[in-house]
Amino acid sequence: MMEGLKMADTELMVYIHPSKCGNEFNAVCRQLSSLLFQYDETLDGVLLAFDFAVKSKGAKVLAGLNPYFGVKVESKLLLFNPKPNSLVEGKIVKISPESIHVIVLGFSAAVITDVDIREEFKYKLRNGEGCFVSRSHKRHVLKVGTMVRLQVQSFDEEVMHIAGSLLPANTGCVKWLEKQSEEALRSVDFCCTHSLTIMFFVRNLFYFSRDHKRRKIA
């Protein structure tokens, strides 16, 4: 469950140098590539990926500069802008008794301090490596390399830093959480199937009893 990601269809005007007018596509691609993994206020997010099609081009003079070509493009952008209380996922890269360090989407650093780790988790050493183990579920373990789901407390756009939390019950090891969710769904399916079986049995019993009474009256 990765929140904070969004697709945006937008129309952009990209300005390129006249020397690049022979290959507008490559020039636009270079311009947009320079924005990757940076927060852009206009786009309201960090640009992770893009696709575009050139619509039209037209000469345009920018004040104080040489004439630049304005190229109008239709673009599809993948943006990342996690809001407070949203859920994101990342890989644990470092653990200490005081904090858990996570990399989200390969570029954004997230830190969860001990005050934001719920009491369910206890720090332990296993095979010489630190980890957090759930007191309630021994198989729910957080260690280096674990994919973890955390709640966003804040996001610093300038340094791409996330302050995270493991206080909500729906945070923790992604693999363990998904397994629990699957087991809960199977349990619900079993209850529904069991209830339908009982209803079917009761209905047939009712019809059998009614038909039996009719035969007696006849």
N, C-alpha and C. Protein backbone atom coordinates (compact mmCIF):
# COMPACT_ATOMS: atom_id res chain seq x y z
N MET A 1 0.85 -1.19 0.00
CA MET A 1 0.00 0.00 0.00
C MET A 1 0.89 1.24 0.00
N MET A 2 1.02 1.83 -1.16
CA MET A 2 1.86 3.02 -1.29
C MET A 2 0.98 4.22 -1.61
N GLU A 3 0.74 5.04 -0.61
CA GLU A 3 -0.03 6.26 -0.82
C GLU A 3 0.95 7.39 -1.13
N GLY A 4 0.45 8.49 -1.60
CA GLY A 4 1.32 9.61 -1.93
C GLY A 4 1.75 9.62 -3.38
N LEU A 5 1.43 8.55 -4.12
CA LEU A 5 1.72 8.50 -5.55
C LEU A 5 0.49 8.92 -6.34
N LYS A 6 0.70 9.67 -7.39
CA LYS A 6 -0.43 10.07 -8.22
C LYS A 6 0.02 10.26 -9.67
N MET A 7 -0.90 9.97 -10.59
CA MET A 7 -0.68 10.21 -12.00
C MET A 7 -1.34 11.53 -12.37
N ALA A 8 -0.64 12.34 -13.15
CA ALA A 8 -1.18 13.63 -13.55
C ALA A 8 -1.07 13.79 -15.05
N ASP A 9 -2.20 14.07 -15.70
CA ASP A 9 -2.22 14.40 -17.12
C ASP A 9 -2.22 15.92 -17.24
N THR A 10 -1.19 16.45 -17.83
CA THR A 10 -1.08 17.91 -17.88
C THR A 10 -0.47 18.36 -19.20
N GLU A 11 -0.75 19.61 -19.53
CA GLU A 11 -0.20 20.23 -20.73
C GLU A 11 0.90 21.19 -20.31
N LEU A 12 2.09 21.02 -20.86
CA LEU A 12 3.23 21.84 -20.47
C LEU A 12 3.78 22.60 -21.68
N MET A 13 4.39 23.75 -21.37
CA MET A 13 5.14 24.48 -22.38
C MET A 13 6.60 24.39 -21.99
N VAL A 14 7.40 23.74 -22.83
CA VAL A 14 8.82 23.55 -22.55
C VAL A 14 9.63 24.41 -23.53
N TYR A 15 10.55 25.19 -22.96
CA TYR A 15 11.35 26.09 -23.80
C TYR A 15 12.72 25.49 -24.07
N ILE A 16 13.07 25.44 -25.35
CA ILE A 16 14.35 24.85 -25.74
C ILE A 16 15.16 25.84 -26.58
N HIS A 17 16.45 25.66 -26.56
CA HIS A 17 17.35 26.55 -27.30
C HIS A 17 17.19 26.32 -28.80
N PRO A 18 17.29 27.41 -29.60
CA PRO A 18 17.14 27.25 -31.06
C PRO A 18 18.07 26.21 -31.67
N SER A 19 19.24 26.01 -31.05
CA SER A 19 20.17 25.02 -31.60
C SER A 19 19.63 23.60 -31.48
N LYS A 20 18.60 23.42 -30.65
CA LYS A 20 18.02 22.09 -30.44
C LYS A 20 16.73 21.90 -31.22
N CYS A 21 16.38 22.90 -32.05
CA CYS A 21 15.07 22.83 -32.71
C CYS A 21 14.98 21.70 -33.73
N GLY A 22 16.12 21.14 -34.13
CA GLY A 22 16.08 20.05 -35.10
C GLY A 22 15.58 18.75 -34.51
N ASN A 23 15.63 18.64 -33.18
CA ASN A 23 15.15 17.41 -32.53
C ASN A 23 14.43 17.79 -31.24
N GLU A 24 13.21 18.26 -31.41
CA GLU A 24 12.45 18.76 -30.26
C GLU A 24 12.20 17.67 -29.21
N PHE A 25 11.97 16.45 -29.70
CA PHE A 25 11.64 15.37 -28.76
C PHE A 25 12.78 15.14 -27.76
N ASN A 26 14.00 15.00 -28.25
CA ASN A 26 15.15 14.78 -27.36
C ASN A 26 15.39 15.97 -26.45
N ALA A 27 15.19 17.18 -26.98
CA ALA A 27 15.40 18.38 -26.18
C ALA A 27 14.40 18.45 -25.03
N VAL A 28 13.13 18.15 -25.31
CA VAL A 28 12.10 18.15 -24.26
C VAL A 28 12.39 17.06 -23.24
N CYS A 29 12.83 15.90 -23.74
CA CYS A 29 13.15 14.78 -22.85
C CYS A 29 14.26 15.16 -21.88
N ARG A 30 15.28 15.87 -22.37
CA ARG A 30 16.37 16.30 -21.50
C ARG A 30 15.89 17.30 -20.46
N GLN A 31 15.00 18.21 -20.88
CA GLN A 31 14.48 19.22 -19.96
C GLN A 31 13.68 18.56 -18.83
N LEU A 32 12.82 17.65 -19.18
CA LEU A 32 12.00 16.98 -18.17
C LEU A 32 12.85 16.06 -17.29
N SER A 33 13.86 15.43 -17.90
CA SER A 33 14.74 14.54 -17.12
C SER A 33 15.48 15.31 -16.03
N SER A 34 15.76 16.58 -16.29
CA SER A 34 16.47 17.39 -15.30
C SER A 34 15.62 17.65 -14.05
N LEU A 35 14.32 17.40 -14.15
CA LEU A 35 13.41 17.61 -13.02
C LEU A 35 13.18 16.34 -12.21
N LEU A 36 13.69 15.21 -12.69
CA LEU A 36 13.44 13.94 -11.99
C LEU A 36 14.00 13.95 -10.58
N PHE A 37 13.22 13.35 -9.65
CA PHE A 37 13.60 13.18 -8.25
C PHE A 37 13.88 14.52 -7.55
N GLN A 38 13.16 15.55 -8.01
CA GLN A 38 13.20 16.84 -7.36
C GLN A 38 11.77 17.29 -7.12
N TYR A 39 11.59 18.01 -6.00
CA TYR A 39 10.24 18.53 -5.72
C TYR A 39 10.00 19.77 -6.57
N ASP A 40 8.86 19.83 -7.21
CA ASP A 40 8.50 20.97 -8.03
C ASP A 40 7.17 21.54 -7.53
N GLU A 41 7.18 22.81 -7.14
CA GLU A 41 5.97 23.42 -6.59
C GLU A 41 4.85 23.49 -7.63
N THR A 42 5.23 23.73 -8.87
CA THR A 42 4.22 23.81 -9.93
C THR A 42 3.51 22.48 -10.11
N LEU A 43 4.28 21.40 -10.06
CA LEU A 43 3.70 20.06 -10.23
C LEU A 43 3.12 19.53 -8.92
N ASP A 44 3.50 20.17 -7.81
CA ASP A 44 3.04 19.77 -6.47
C ASP A 44 3.45 18.33 -6.15
N GLY A 45 4.73 18.05 -6.37
CA GLY A 45 5.23 16.73 -6.04
C GLY A 45 6.62 16.50 -6.60
N VAL A 46 7.17 15.34 -6.28
CA VAL A 46 8.46 14.92 -6.80
C VAL A 46 8.21 14.13 -8.08
N LEU A 47 8.84 14.55 -9.15
CA LEU A 47 8.65 13.86 -10.44
C LEU A 47 9.46 12.56 -10.45
N LEU A 48 8.75 11.43 -10.63
CA LEU A 48 9.40 10.12 -10.63
C LEU A 48 9.53 9.56 -12.05
N ALA A 49 8.58 9.86 -12.90
CA ALA A 49 8.61 9.35 -14.27
C ALA A 49 7.69 10.19 -15.13
N PHE A 50 7.92 10.13 -16.43
CA PHE A 50 7.08 10.93 -17.33
C PHE A 50 6.99 10.28 -18.71
N ASP A 51 5.93 10.65 -19.40
CA ASP A 51 5.76 10.29 -20.81
C ASP A 51 5.10 11.50 -21.46
N PHE A 52 5.41 11.75 -22.71
CA PHE A 52 4.85 12.96 -23.33
C PHE A 52 4.76 12.80 -24.84
N ALA A 53 3.96 13.67 -25.43
CA ALA A 53 3.84 13.75 -26.88
C ALA A 53 3.87 15.22 -27.26
N VAL A 54 4.69 15.57 -28.26
CA VAL A 54 4.79 16.96 -28.70
C VAL A 54 3.54 17.34 -29.49
N LYS A 55 2.88 18.43 -29.05
CA LYS A 55 1.67 18.89 -29.74
C LYS A 55 2.02 19.90 -30.83
N SER A 56 2.76 20.93 -30.43
CA SER A 56 3.11 21.97 -31.41
C SER A 56 4.30 22.74 -30.90
N LYS A 57 4.92 23.50 -31.75
CA LYS A 57 6.03 24.35 -31.35
C LYS A 57 5.85 25.73 -31.96
N GLY A 58 6.44 26.73 -31.31
CA GLY A 58 6.33 28.08 -31.81
C GLY A 58 7.44 28.92 -31.23
N ALA A 59 8.00 29.82 -32.01
CA ALA A 59 9.08 30.67 -31.53
C ALA A 59 8.53 31.63 -30.47
N LYS A 60 9.31 31.81 -29.43
CA LYS A 60 8.90 32.71 -28.36
C LYS A 60 10.15 33.36 -27.78
N VAL A 61 10.12 34.67 -27.62
CA VAL A 61 11.26 35.39 -27.08
C VAL A 61 11.09 35.56 -25.58
N LEU A 62 12.09 35.11 -24.83
CA LEU A 62 12.07 35.28 -23.40
C LEU A 62 12.89 36.51 -23.04
N ALA A 63 12.39 37.34 -22.15
CA ALA A 63 13.05 38.59 -21.78
C ALA A 63 14.47 38.34 -21.29
N GLY A 64 15.43 39.07 -21.88
CA GLY A 64 16.81 38.98 -21.44
C GLY A 64 17.56 37.79 -21.98
N LEU A 65 16.92 36.99 -22.78
CA LEU A 65 17.56 35.79 -23.32
C LEU A 65 17.47 35.77 -24.83
N ASN A 66 18.22 34.86 -25.43
CA ASN A 66 18.08 34.65 -26.86
C ASN A 66 16.71 34.05 -27.16
N PRO A 67 16.22 34.20 -28.38
CA PRO A 67 14.92 33.59 -28.72
C PRO A 67 14.93 32.09 -28.42
N TYR A 68 13.93 31.65 -27.70
CA TYR A 68 13.79 30.24 -27.39
C TYR A 68 12.53 29.72 -28.06
N PHE A 69 12.51 28.43 -28.34
CA PHE A 69 11.33 27.81 -28.90
C PHE A 69 10.45 27.27 -27.76
N GLY A 70 9.19 27.65 -27.81
CA GLY A 70 8.24 27.10 -26.86
C GLY A 70 7.58 25.87 -27.45
N VAL A 71 7.79 24.73 -26.85
CA VAL A 71 7.23 23.48 -27.36
C VAL A 71 6.10 23.03 -26.44
N LYS A 72 4.92 22.92 -26.99
CA LYS A 72 3.76 22.50 -26.19
C LYS A 72 3.67 20.97 -26.22
N VAL A 73 3.63 20.38 -25.02
CA VAL A 73 3.58 18.91 -24.93
C VAL A 73 2.43 18.47 -24.03
N GLU A 74 1.85 17.35 -24.38
CA GLU A 74 0.88 16.68 -23.51
C GLU A 74 1.64 15.62 -22.74
N SER A 75 1.60 15.69 -21.43
CA SER A 75 2.43 14.80 -20.63
C SER A 75 1.61 14.02 -19.61
N LYS A 76 2.14 12.85 -19.28
CA LYS A 76 1.61 12.01 -18.20
C LYS A 76 2.73 11.89 -17.19
N LEU A 77 2.49 12.39 -15.98
CA LEU A 77 3.54 12.45 -14.95
C LEU A 77 3.21 11.57 -13.76
N LEU A 78 4.22 10.88 -13.25
CA LEU A 78 4.08 10.13 -12.00
C LEU A 78 4.74 10.96 -10.91
N LEU A 79 3.94 11.38 -9.93
CA LEU A 79 4.41 12.28 -8.88
C LEU A 79 4.31 11.63 -7.50
N PHE A 80 5.20 12.06 -6.62
CA PHE A 80 5.21 11.55 -5.24
C PHE A 80 5.15 12.74 -4.29
N ASN A 81 4.11 12.77 -3.48
CA ASN A 81 3.96 13.84 -2.50
C ASN A 81 3.16 13.31 -1.31
N PRO A 82 3.83 12.59 -0.41
CA PRO A 82 3.13 11.98 0.72
C PRO A 82 2.62 13.03 1.72
N LYS A 83 1.38 12.91 2.09
CA LYS A 83 0.76 13.83 3.04
C LYS A 83 0.78 13.23 4.45
N PRO A 84 0.69 14.06 5.49
CA PRO A 84 0.63 13.53 6.85
C PRO A 84 -0.48 12.50 7.01
N ASN A 85 -0.18 11.42 7.71
CA ASN A 85 -1.09 10.31 8.00
C ASN A 85 -1.27 9.34 6.83
N SER A 86 -0.61 9.61 5.70
CA SER A 86 -0.66 8.64 4.61
C SER A 86 0.32 7.51 4.89
N LEU A 87 0.16 6.39 4.16
CA LEU A 87 1.01 5.22 4.36
C LEU A 87 1.95 5.05 3.18
N VAL A 88 3.23 4.82 3.48
CA VAL A 88 4.21 4.55 2.44
C VAL A 88 5.00 3.31 2.83
N GLU A 89 5.69 2.73 1.85
CA GLU A 89 6.48 1.52 2.09
C GLU A 89 7.91 1.73 1.65
N GLY A 90 8.83 1.10 2.36
CA GLY A 90 10.24 1.20 2.00
C GLY A 90 11.03 0.08 2.64
N LYS A 91 12.33 0.03 2.30
CA LYS A 91 13.20 -1.02 2.83
C LYS A 91 14.02 -0.49 4.00
N ILE A 92 14.07 -1.28 5.07
CA ILE A 92 14.88 -0.90 6.24
C ILE A 92 16.36 -1.08 5.89
N VAL A 93 17.14 -0.02 6.13
CA VAL A 93 18.57 -0.07 5.82
C VAL A 93 19.44 0.02 7.07
N LYS A 94 18.84 0.43 8.19
CA LYS A 94 19.61 0.53 9.43
C LYS A 94 18.67 0.49 10.61
N ILE A 95 19.10 -0.21 11.67
CA ILE A 95 18.29 -0.31 12.88
C ILE A 95 19.18 -0.10 14.10
N SER A 96 18.67 0.66 15.05
CA SER A 96 19.33 0.84 16.34
C SER A 96 18.23 0.86 17.40
N PRO A 97 18.58 0.78 18.68
CA PRO A 97 17.54 0.82 19.71
C PRO A 97 16.74 2.12 19.69
N GLU A 98 17.31 3.17 19.11
CA GLU A 98 16.66 4.48 19.12
C GLU A 98 15.90 4.81 17.84
N SER A 99 16.17 4.09 16.75
CA SER A 99 15.55 4.48 15.48
C SER A 99 15.61 3.37 14.44
N ILE A 100 14.74 3.53 13.44
CA ILE A 100 14.72 2.66 12.26
C ILE A 100 14.86 3.56 11.04
N HIS A 101 15.82 3.25 10.17
CA HIS A 101 16.07 4.05 8.97
C HIS A 101 15.59 3.28 7.74
N VAL A 102 14.84 3.98 6.89
CA VAL A 102 14.18 3.36 5.74
C VAL A 102 14.45 4.16 4.47
N ILE A 103 14.57 3.46 3.34
CA ILE A 103 14.64 4.12 2.04
C ILE A 103 13.32 3.85 1.30
N VAL A 104 12.64 4.93 0.91
CA VAL A 104 11.35 4.84 0.23
C VAL A 104 11.55 5.15 -1.26
N LEU A 105 11.11 4.23 -2.11
CA LEU A 105 11.19 4.38 -3.56
C LEU A 105 12.62 4.59 -4.06
N GLY A 106 13.59 4.18 -3.26
CA GLY A 106 14.97 4.23 -3.69
C GLY A 106 15.64 5.58 -3.60
N PHE A 107 14.92 6.63 -3.17
CA PHE A 107 15.54 7.95 -3.13
C PHE A 107 15.20 8.77 -1.88
N SER A 108 14.10 8.49 -1.23
CA SER A 108 13.67 9.30 -0.08
C SER A 108 14.00 8.58 1.23
N ALA A 109 14.72 9.28 2.11
CA ALA A 109 15.10 8.70 3.40
C ALA A 109 13.99 8.94 4.42
N ALA A 110 13.67 7.91 5.18
CA ALA A 110 12.67 8.03 6.25
C ALA A 110 13.28 7.54 7.56
N VAL A 111 12.95 8.23 8.64
CA VAL A 111 13.44 7.85 9.96
C VAL A 111 12.26 7.72 10.91
N ILE A 112 12.26 6.62 11.66
CA ILE A 112 11.25 6.38 12.69
C ILE A 112 11.99 6.32 14.03
N THR A 113 11.75 7.29 14.88
CA THR A 113 12.44 7.32 16.18
C THR A 113 11.71 6.43 17.18
N ASP A 114 12.40 6.13 18.29
CA ASP A 114 11.84 5.17 19.25
C ASP A 114 10.50 5.63 19.84
N VAL A 115 10.28 6.94 19.95
CA VAL A 115 9.01 7.42 20.50
C VAL A 115 7.85 7.18 19.54
N ASP A 116 8.17 6.89 18.27
CA ASP A 116 7.13 6.65 17.28
C ASP A 116 7.04 5.17 16.89
N ILE A 117 7.68 4.32 17.69
CA ILE A 117 7.57 2.86 17.50
C ILE A 117 6.68 2.33 18.62
N ARG A 118 5.58 1.70 18.28
CA ARG A 118 4.63 1.28 19.30
C ARG A 118 5.25 0.26 20.26
N GLU A 119 4.74 0.24 21.48
CA GLU A 119 5.31 -0.58 22.55
C GLU A 119 5.27 -2.07 22.25
N GLU A 120 4.46 -2.45 21.29
CA GLU A 120 4.38 -3.86 20.90
C GLU A 120 5.74 -4.39 20.48
N PHE A 121 6.57 -3.52 19.89
CA PHE A 121 7.87 -3.94 19.38
C PHE A 121 8.98 -3.74 20.42
N LYS A 122 9.81 -4.77 20.56
CA LYS A 122 10.93 -4.73 21.49
C LYS A 122 12.23 -4.94 20.73
N TYR A 123 13.22 -4.12 21.02
CA TYR A 123 14.52 -4.23 20.35
C TYR A 123 15.28 -5.44 20.89
N LYS A 124 15.81 -6.26 19.98
CA LYS A 124 16.58 -7.44 20.36
C LYS A 124 17.77 -7.62 19.42
N LEU A 125 18.72 -8.42 19.87
CA LEU A 125 19.85 -8.81 19.03
C LEU A 125 19.66 -10.26 18.60
N ARG A 126 19.68 -10.50 17.29
CA ARG A 126 19.57 -11.85 16.76
C ARG A 126 20.73 -12.08 15.81
N ASN A 127 21.53 -13.08 16.13
CA ASN A 127 22.72 -13.39 15.32
C ASN A 127 23.62 -12.17 15.14
N GLY A 128 23.70 -11.39 16.22
CA GLY A 128 24.57 -10.21 16.21
C GLY A 128 23.99 -9.01 15.51
N GLU A 129 22.75 -9.09 15.01
CA GLU A 129 22.12 -7.97 14.33
C GLU A 129 20.89 -7.51 15.10
N GLY A 130 20.72 -6.19 15.14
CA GLY A 130 19.58 -5.62 15.85
C GLY A 130 18.30 -5.76 15.06
N CYS A 131 17.19 -5.94 15.77
CA CYS A 131 15.88 -6.02 15.13
C CYS A 131 14.81 -5.68 16.16
N PHE A 132 13.63 -5.38 15.68
CA PHE A 132 12.48 -5.16 16.55
C PHE A 132 11.51 -6.32 16.36
N VAL A 133 11.15 -6.94 17.47
CA VAL A 133 10.27 -8.12 17.43
C VAL A 133 8.99 -7.80 18.19
N SER A 134 7.85 -8.18 17.60
CA SER A 134 6.56 -7.95 18.24
C SER A 134 6.43 -8.84 19.48
N ARG A 135 5.94 -8.25 20.54
CA ARG A 135 5.69 -9.03 21.77
C ARG A 135 4.47 -9.93 21.59
N SER A 136 3.54 -9.51 20.71
CA SER A 136 2.29 -10.25 20.52
C SER A 136 2.41 -11.34 19.46
N HIS A 137 3.22 -11.06 18.42
CA HIS A 137 3.37 -12.00 17.31
C HIS A 137 4.86 -12.16 17.02
N LYS A 138 5.43 -13.24 17.47
CA LYS A 138 6.89 -13.44 17.38
C LYS A 138 7.41 -13.45 15.95
N ARG A 139 6.53 -13.76 15.00
CA ARG A 139 6.97 -13.79 13.61
C ARG A 139 6.93 -12.41 12.95
N HIS A 140 6.39 -11.44 13.66
CA HIS A 140 6.35 -10.07 13.14
C HIS A 140 7.66 -9.39 13.54
N VAL A 141 8.63 -9.42 12.63
CA VAL A 141 9.99 -8.94 12.92
C VAL A 141 10.38 -7.84 11.94
N LEU A 142 11.02 -6.82 12.45
CA LEU A 142 11.56 -5.74 11.63
C LEU A 142 13.08 -5.78 11.72
N LYS A 143 13.73 -6.00 10.58
CA LYS A 143 15.19 -6.07 10.55
C LYS A 143 15.69 -5.46 9.25
N VAL A 144 17.01 -5.31 9.15
CA VAL A 144 17.59 -4.74 7.93
C VAL A 144 17.19 -5.60 6.73
N GLY A 145 16.66 -4.95 5.69
CA GLY A 145 16.20 -5.66 4.50
C GLY A 145 14.70 -5.86 4.46
N THR A 146 14.02 -5.69 5.61
CA THR A 146 12.57 -5.86 5.66
C THR A 146 11.87 -4.71 4.95
N MET A 147 10.84 -5.05 4.17
CA MET A 147 9.96 -4.03 3.60
C MET A 147 8.95 -3.65 4.67
N VAL A 148 8.92 -2.37 5.01
CA VAL A 148 8.09 -1.92 6.13
C VAL A 148 7.08 -0.88 5.64
N ARG A 149 5.89 -0.94 6.22
CA ARG A 149 4.85 0.06 5.95
C ARG A 149 4.81 1.03 7.13
N LEU A 150 4.93 2.32 6.85
CA LEU A 150 4.96 3.31 7.91
C LEU A 150 4.01 4.45 7.61
N GLN A 151 3.63 5.15 8.65
CA GLN A 151 2.75 6.31 8.50
C GLN A 151 3.60 7.57 8.42
N VAL A 152 3.25 8.45 7.49
CA VAL A 152 3.99 9.70 7.32
C VAL A 152 3.54 10.72 8.35
N GLN A 153 4.51 11.30 9.05
CA GLN A 153 4.20 12.40 9.95
C GLN A 153 4.46 13.74 9.27
N SER A 154 5.56 13.79 8.52
CA SER A 154 5.88 15.00 7.75
C SER A 154 6.82 14.63 6.60
N PHE A 155 6.85 15.51 5.60
CA PHE A 155 7.71 15.29 4.43
C PHE A 155 8.42 16.60 4.11
N ASP A 156 9.75 16.59 4.19
CA ASP A 156 10.56 17.76 3.88
C ASP A 156 10.92 17.71 2.39
N GLU A 157 10.29 18.58 1.60
CA GLU A 157 10.48 18.54 0.15
C GLU A 157 11.91 18.87 -0.26
N GLU A 158 12.59 19.73 0.50
CA GLU A 158 13.93 20.17 0.09
C GLU A 158 14.95 19.03 0.14
N VAL A 159 14.89 18.22 1.20
CA VAL A 159 15.87 17.14 1.36
C VAL A 159 15.25 15.77 1.15
N MET A 160 13.98 15.73 0.76
CA MET A 160 13.27 14.46 0.49
C MET A 160 13.27 13.55 1.72
N HIS A 161 13.06 14.13 2.89
CA HIS A 161 13.13 13.38 4.14
C HIS A 161 11.73 13.18 4.72
N ILE A 162 11.46 11.94 5.15
CA ILE A 162 10.17 11.60 5.74
C ILE A 162 10.36 11.29 7.22
N ALA A 163 9.56 11.92 8.05
CA ALA A 163 9.49 11.55 9.47
C ALA A 163 8.34 10.56 9.59
N GLY A 164 8.66 9.34 10.00
CA GLY A 164 7.65 8.28 9.98
C GLY A 164 7.23 7.80 11.36
N SER A 165 6.21 6.96 11.36
CA SER A 165 5.68 6.43 12.62
C SER A 165 5.21 4.99 12.43
N LEU A 166 5.41 4.19 13.49
CA LEU A 166 4.89 2.82 13.52
C LEU A 166 3.88 2.67 14.65
N LEU A 167 3.26 3.76 15.05
CA LEU A 167 2.28 3.71 16.13
C LEU A 167 0.95 3.08 15.69
N PRO A 168 0.44 3.35 14.49
CA PRO A 168 -0.82 2.71 14.07
C PRO A 168 -0.66 1.19 13.92
N ALA A 169 -1.74 0.47 14.18
CA ALA A 169 -1.71 -1.00 14.12
C ALA A 169 -1.54 -1.52 12.69
N ASN A 170 -1.87 -0.70 11.69
CA ASN A 170 -1.76 -1.15 10.29
C ASN A 170 -0.40 -0.83 9.68
N THR A 171 0.60 -0.62 10.54
CA THR A 171 1.97 -0.42 10.07
C THR A 171 2.86 -1.56 10.57
N GLY A 172 4.00 -1.74 9.90
CA GLY A 172 4.92 -2.82 10.28
C GLY A 172 5.44 -3.54 9.06
N CYS A 173 5.86 -4.77 9.23
CA CYS A 173 6.38 -5.58 8.13
C CYS A 173 5.30 -5.82 7.08
N VAL A 174 5.56 -5.41 5.85
CA VAL A 174 4.56 -5.52 4.78
C VAL A 174 4.14 -6.97 4.57
N LYS A 175 5.09 -7.88 4.54
CA LYS A 175 4.80 -9.30 4.29
C LYS A 175 3.89 -9.86 5.39
N TRP A 176 4.18 -9.52 6.63
CA TRP A 176 3.37 -10.02 7.74
C TRP A 176 1.97 -9.43 7.70
N LEU A 177 1.87 -8.12 7.43
CA LEU A 177 0.57 -7.45 7.38
C LEU A 177 -0.30 -8.04 6.27
N GLU A 178 0.31 -8.31 5.11
CA GLU A 178 -0.46 -8.87 4.00
C GLU A 178 -0.93 -10.28 4.31
N LYS A 179 -0.08 -11.05 5.00
CA LYS A 179 -0.47 -12.40 5.39
C LYS A 179 -1.65 -12.36 6.35
N GLN A 180 -1.62 -11.42 7.31
CA GLN A 180 -2.72 -11.29 8.26
C GLN A 180 -4.00 -10.90 7.54
N SER A 181 -3.87 -10.02 6.55
CA SER A 181 -5.04 -9.58 5.79
C SER A 181 -5.64 -10.74 5.00
N GLU A 182 -4.78 -11.58 4.40
CA GLU A 182 -5.26 -12.74 3.64
C GLU A 182 -5.97 -13.73 4.55
N GLU A 183 -5.42 -13.95 5.74
CA GLU A 183 -6.04 -14.88 6.69
C GLU A 183 -7.39 -14.36 7.15
N ALA A 184 -7.48 -13.03 7.34
CA ALA A 184 -8.75 -12.44 7.76
C ALA A 184 -9.80 -12.60 6.67
N LEU A 185 -9.38 -12.44 5.41
CA LEU A 185 -10.32 -12.61 4.29
C LEU A 185 -10.79 -14.05 4.18
N ARG A 186 -9.85 -14.99 4.38
CA ARG A 186 -10.23 -16.41 4.33
C ARG A 186 -11.22 -16.74 5.45
N SER A 187 -11.01 -16.12 6.60
CA SER A 187 -11.90 -16.35 7.73
C SER A 187 -13.30 -15.83 7.42
N VAL A 188 -13.36 -14.65 6.79
CA VAL A 188 -14.65 -14.07 6.42
C VAL A 188 -15.34 -14.95 5.38
N ASP A 189 -14.57 -15.43 4.39
CA ASP A 189 -15.13 -16.30 3.35
C ASP A 189 -15.68 -17.58 3.96
N PHE A 190 -14.95 -18.14 4.94
CA PHE A 190 -15.40 -19.37 5.60
C PHE A 190 -16.71 -19.13 6.34
N CYS A 191 -16.77 -18.00 7.06
CA CYS A 191 -17.99 -17.68 7.83
C CYS A 191 -19.18 -17.50 6.90
N CYS A 192 -18.94 -16.82 5.76
CA CYS A 192 -20.02 -16.60 4.80
C CYS A 192 -20.50 -17.92 4.21
N THR A 193 -19.54 -18.78 3.84
CA THR A 193 -19.89 -20.08 3.27
C THR A 193 -20.63 -20.94 4.29
N HIS A 194 -20.16 -20.91 5.55
CA HIS A 194 -20.80 -21.68 6.61
C HIS A 194 -22.22 -21.19 6.84
N SER A 195 -22.40 -19.84 6.82
CA SER A 195 -23.74 -19.27 7.04
C SER A 195 -24.68 -19.65 5.91
N LEU A 196 -24.17 -19.62 4.66
CA LEU A 196 -25.00 -19.99 3.52
C LEU A 196 -25.40 -21.45 3.58
N THR A 197 -24.47 -22.31 4.05
CA THR A 197 -24.77 -23.74 4.18
C THR A 197 -25.89 -23.96 5.18
N ILE A 198 -25.81 -23.25 6.31
CA ILE A 198 -26.85 -23.38 7.34
C ILE A 198 -28.19 -22.89 6.82
N MET A 199 -28.16 -21.74 6.11
CA MET A 199 -29.41 -21.20 5.56
C MET A 199 -30.03 -22.17 4.56
N PHE A 200 -29.17 -22.78 3.71
CA PHE A 200 -29.65 -23.75 2.73
C PHE A 200 -30.28 -24.95 3.43
N PHE A 201 -29.62 -25.42 4.50
CA PHE A 201 -30.12 -26.58 5.25
C PHE A 201 -31.46 -26.26 5.92
N VAL A 202 -31.56 -25.08 6.53
CA VAL A 202 -32.80 -24.68 7.21
C VAL A 202 -33.93 -24.54 6.22
N ARG A 203 -33.62 -23.96 5.04
CA ARG A 203 -34.66 -23.78 4.02
C ARG A 203 -35.18 -25.13 3.54
N ASN A 204 -34.26 -26.06 3.28
CA ASN A 204 -34.68 -27.39 2.83
C ASN A 204 -35.47 -28.12 3.90
N LEU A 205 -35.08 -27.92 5.16
CA LEU A 205 -35.79 -28.54 6.26
C LEU A 205 -37.21 -27.99 6.36
N PHE A 206 -37.33 -26.68 6.12
CA PHE A 206 -38.65 -26.04 6.16
C PHE A 206 -39.55 -26.61 5.07
N TYR A 207 -39.02 -26.70 3.82
CA TYR A 207 -39.81 -27.22 2.72
C TYR A 207 -40.18 -28.68 2.95
N PHE A 208 -39.25 -29.46 3.51
CA PHE A 208 -39.51 -30.88 3.78
C PHE A 208 -40.63 -31.01 4.80
N SER A 209 -40.57 -30.18 5.87
CA SER A 209 -41.59 -30.24 6.92
C SER A 209 -42.95 -29.83 6.37
N ARG A 210 -42.98 -28.79 5.51
CA ARG A 210 -44.24 -28.32 4.94
C ARG A 210 -44.84 -29.39 4.02
N ASP A 211 -44.01 -30.00 3.18
CA ASP A 211 -44.51 -31.05 2.27
C ASP A 211 -44.99 -32.26 3.04
N HIS A 212 -44.32 -32.57 4.17
CA HIS A 212 -44.71 -33.73 4.98
C HIS A 212 -46.09 -33.49 5.57
N LYS A 213 -46.35 -32.27 6.04
CA LYS A 213 -47.67 -31.95 6.64
C LYS A 213 -48.75 -32.03 5.59
N ARG A 214 -48.46 -31.57 4.37
CA ARG A 214 -49.44 -31.63 3.31
C ARG A 214 -49.83 -33.05 2.97
N ARG A 215 -48.84 -33.94 2.99
CA ARG A 215 -49.12 -35.35 2.68
C ARG A 215 -50.03 -35.95 3.74
N LYS A 216 -49.79 -35.57 5.02
CA LYS A 216 -50.61 -36.09 6.12
C LYS A 216 -52.06 -35.61 5.97
N ILE A 217 -52.23 -34.36 5.60
CA ILE A 217 -53.59 -33.81 5.45
C ILE A 217 -54.30 -34.49 4.29
N ALA A 218 -53.55 -34.75 3.21
CA ALA A 218 -54.13 -35.43 2.05
C ALA A 218 -54.51 -36.85 2.39
